[in-house]
Protein backbone atom coordinates (compact mmCIF):
# COMPACT_ATOMS: atom_id res chain seq x y z
CA MET A 1 -64.22 138.35 13.63
CA PHE A 2 -62.54 139.45 10.32
CA PRO A 3 -64.29 139.17 6.82
CA HIS A 4 -63.03 135.86 5.49
CA GLN A 5 -62.96 134.27 8.59
CA TYR A 6 -67.11 135.33 8.57
CA ALA A 7 -66.80 134.15 4.69
CA GLY A 8 -65.23 130.62 5.34
CA LEU A 9 -67.97 130.26 7.68
CA LEU A 10 -71.01 131.34 5.67
CA LYS A 11 -69.85 129.16 3.00
CA GLY A 12 -70.54 126.07 5.13
CA TRP A 13 -73.41 127.08 6.39
CA LEU A 14 -74.77 127.61 3.01
CA ALA A 15 -73.50 124.38 1.84
CA ALA A 16 -74.85 122.62 4.71
CA ALA A 17 -78.57 124.01 3.77
CA GLU A 18 -78.83 122.29 0.68
CA HIS A 19 -80.91 124.85 -0.34
CA PRO A 20 -82.67 123.74 -4.10
CA GLY A 21 -81.40 126.82 -5.86
CA ILE A 22 -77.68 126.64 -5.11
CA THR A 23 -75.38 123.94 -6.72
CA GLN A 24 -72.62 124.94 -5.72
CA VAL A 25 -70.77 127.36 -2.98
CA ARG A 26 -67.10 128.38 -2.67
CA THR A 27 -65.30 131.41 -1.61
CA CYS A 28 -64.44 134.02 -3.34
CA ALA A 29 -60.44 132.97 -2.59
CA GLU A 30 -61.40 129.40 -4.33
CA ILE A 31 -62.33 131.34 -8.05
CA GLY A 32 -59.92 134.02 -7.59
CA ARG A 33 -61.97 136.55 -7.27
CA HIS A 34 -59.57 139.76 -7.01
CA GLU A 35 -62.39 141.96 -7.38
CA GLN A 36 -64.17 141.30 -4.25
CA PRO A 37 -61.26 139.26 -2.56
CA VAL A 38 -63.06 138.18 0.54
CA GLY A 39 -66.51 136.78 0.43
CA VAL A 40 -68.60 133.98 -1.25
CA ALA A 41 -69.60 132.61 -4.95
CA LEU A 42 -73.24 131.33 -4.94
CA THR A 43 -73.57 128.97 -8.55
CA LEU A 44 -77.41 129.01 -8.77
CA SER A 45 -79.30 126.22 -10.31
CA ASP A 46 -80.31 128.37 -13.29
CA GLY A 47 -75.96 128.68 -13.95
CA TRP A 48 -76.11 132.00 -12.84
CA THR A 49 -72.97 132.37 -9.95
CA PHE A 50 -74.14 135.22 -7.55
CA ILE A 51 -70.92 136.87 -5.57
CA LEU A 52 -71.70 138.43 -2.11
CA GLN A 53 -68.36 140.55 -0.95
CA CYS A 54 -67.74 140.39 2.36
CA VAL A 55 -66.28 143.58 4.55
CA GLY A 56 -65.70 144.40 7.34
CA THR A 57 -64.86 147.35 10.34
CA ALA A 58 -62.68 146.45 13.40
CA PRO A 59 -64.23 146.89 17.24
CA ASP A 60 -64.12 149.96 19.48
CA GLY A 61 -60.45 150.12 20.34
CA GLY A 62 -59.07 148.66 17.21
CA ASN A 63 -57.87 144.83 16.54
CA THR A 64 -56.30 144.46 19.64
CA ASN A 65 -59.79 144.09 20.82
CA ARG A 66 -59.73 141.40 18.77
CA ASP A 67 -60.60 137.63 19.72
CA PRO A 68 -57.14 135.73 19.98
CA ARG A 69 -59.28 132.69 18.26
CA TYR A 70 -59.31 134.31 14.93
CA PRO A 71 -55.93 135.67 13.65
CA ALA A 72 -56.01 138.48 11.18
CA PRO A 73 -55.27 137.00 7.65
CA ASN A 74 -52.43 137.20 5.59
CA LEU A 75 -52.65 140.43 3.31
CA PRO A 76 -51.26 140.28 -0.16
CA ASP A 77 -48.03 142.67 -0.37
CA GLY A 78 -49.56 144.51 -3.16
CA SER A 79 -52.63 143.81 -5.08
CA TRP A 80 -54.66 140.49 -4.61
CA GLU A 81 -54.79 140.02 -8.15
CA ASN A 82 -50.97 139.24 -8.39
CA MET A 83 -51.27 136.27 -5.46
CA PRO A 84 -50.28 133.09 -6.99
CA ALA A 85 -53.37 131.22 -5.59
CA TYR A 86 -55.57 133.61 -6.67
CA GLN A 87 -54.06 133.76 -9.90
CA VAL A 88 -54.08 129.53 -10.14
CA ALA A 89 -57.78 129.53 -9.17
CA ARG A 90 -58.97 132.03 -11.65
CA LYS A 91 -57.90 130.00 -14.37
CA VAL A 92 -59.60 127.17 -12.96
CA PHE A 93 -62.80 129.15 -12.42
CA GLU A 94 -62.50 130.27 -16.01
CA ARG A 95 -61.87 126.43 -17.62
CA GLN A 96 -65.10 125.80 -15.55
CA GLN A 97 -67.52 128.86 -16.55
CA GLY A 98 -66.01 128.38 -20.57
CA ALA A 99 -67.32 124.69 -20.48
CA TYR A 100 -70.42 125.26 -19.37
CA SER A 101 -73.04 123.60 -21.51
CA GLY A 102 -76.43 124.02 -19.74
CA LEU A 103 -79.02 126.40 -20.83
CA LYS A 104 -78.67 130.52 -20.64
CA SER A 105 -81.54 132.35 -18.98
CA ARG A 106 -81.46 135.78 -19.88
CA GLN A 107 -81.54 136.42 -16.05
CA PRO A 108 -80.80 134.83 -13.04
CA GLN A 109 -83.99 133.33 -11.35
CA ALA A 110 -83.05 134.53 -7.69
CA THR A 111 -82.65 138.28 -6.32
CA PRO A 112 -79.90 140.03 -4.66
CA GLY A 113 -82.68 140.76 -1.54
CA ALA A 114 -83.26 136.84 -1.41
CA LEU A 115 -80.53 135.34 -1.58
CA LEU A 116 -78.75 137.73 1.24
CA ARG A 117 -81.96 137.19 3.41
CA LEU A 118 -81.08 133.29 2.92
CA ALA A 119 -77.16 134.01 4.36
CA LEU A 120 -79.20 135.74 7.08
CA LYS A 121 -81.21 132.76 7.94
CA VAL A 122 -78.41 130.20 7.92
CA THR A 123 -76.13 133.17 9.79
CA GLU A 124 -79.30 132.59 12.22
CA ALA A 125 -79.70 129.36 12.54
CA ALA A 126 -76.14 128.49 12.85
CA GLU A 127 -76.19 129.45 16.69
CA HIS A 128 -72.28 130.69 16.26
CA GLU A 129 -70.90 131.46 20.17
CA HIS A 130 -69.45 134.84 18.32
CA VAL A 131 -72.34 136.42 16.32
CA ALA A 132 -74.36 138.83 18.43
CA ILE A 133 -76.31 140.44 16.10
CA THR A 134 -77.62 140.15 12.65
CA GLU A 135 -79.90 142.18 10.53
CA LYS A 136 -80.47 142.47 6.90
CA VAL A 137 -81.36 146.35 5.67
CA ASP A 138 -79.88 146.90 2.02
CA ASN A 139 -77.20 144.46 2.83
CA LEU A 140 -75.91 141.80 5.18
CA LYS A 141 -74.76 143.13 9.00
CA VAL A 142 -73.08 140.41 11.44
CA VAL A 143 -71.94 141.94 14.97
CA PHE A 144 -69.80 139.51 16.72
CA ALA A 145 -69.13 139.69 20.13
CA ASP A 146 -65.80 141.16 19.99
CA GLY A 147 -67.76 144.69 18.37
CA SER A 148 -66.69 143.71 15.38
CA THR A 149 -68.64 144.15 12.09
CA VAL A 150 -69.13 142.15 9.08
CA TYR A 151 -71.06 143.43 6.06
CA GLY A 152 -72.38 141.39 3.21
CA LEU A 153 -72.40 143.19 0.19
CA ALA A 154 -74.41 142.27 -2.95
CA ALA A 155 -71.85 142.76 -5.70
CA GLY A 156 -73.70 140.94 -8.45
CA TYR A 157 -73.64 138.08 -11.00
CA ILE A 158 -71.88 136.24 -13.44
CA ALA A 159 -73.85 135.09 -15.71
CA PRO A 160 -73.74 131.13 -17.39
CA GLY A 161 -70.21 130.77 -19.00
CA GLU A 162 -68.74 134.19 -18.68
CA THR A 163 -66.52 136.00 -15.73
CA LYS A 164 -66.96 138.89 -15.43
CA LEU A 165 -70.29 140.51 -13.68
CA ALA A 166 -72.76 140.92 -15.86
CA HIS A 167 -74.02 143.74 -13.93
CA PRO A 168 -72.93 145.13 -10.57
CA ALA A 169 -75.29 144.70 -7.78
CA HIS A 170 -76.70 148.72 -7.77
CA ASP A 171 -76.62 148.56 -11.93
CA VAL A 172 -79.20 145.60 -11.94
CA PRO A 173 -81.99 146.49 -13.92
CA ALA A 174 -85.10 146.76 -12.21
CA ASP A 175 -87.28 143.98 -12.99
CA TRP A 176 -84.66 141.62 -11.60
CA ARG A 177 -85.33 142.79 -8.08
CA LYS A 178 -88.73 141.86 -8.02
CA GLU A 179 -89.24 139.20 -5.77
CA PRO A 180 -90.56 135.82 -7.11
CA ALA A 181 -93.24 134.22 -5.20
CA ASN A 182 -91.50 130.46 -4.80
CA VAL A 183 -87.28 131.94 -3.79
CA SER A 184 -87.02 132.65 -0.45
């Protein structure tokens, strides 16, 4: 399975879970996030948006051994940033973020670890016939029956009313990483 296909499935699974801490789930393509072109964007109840980037590896033997029911994506000729669909989606996202009128907290309530565990939980609960192994070490890892692997990487957070990452995941302040007892 290719990362973009997993991102689409994960979006559906997360939306169906109806987690009270998540108000909206979109793919990175749907918000025009060309910096992380494949993944999901989770808008949290506190207004912060968490970006989970999906990257992957081919099965042994390369793409010829992939499940034919999951075709390769149409990759851009050049930069993702120059794709018209991403440009339009980015403008819509920027307008939506600019219209944010809620309270702005200093830091997100949910930690990257809690959100990765939630992604793992909904992937396992879906019992998709092509998902063979799931695990969370530092990031999310999903191995598919065809041998391909998708990794979910915590790219970072977008603050309420903003459009750029407040802190890339590797730069998130240490006190933001502390696990609150009520978020899982």
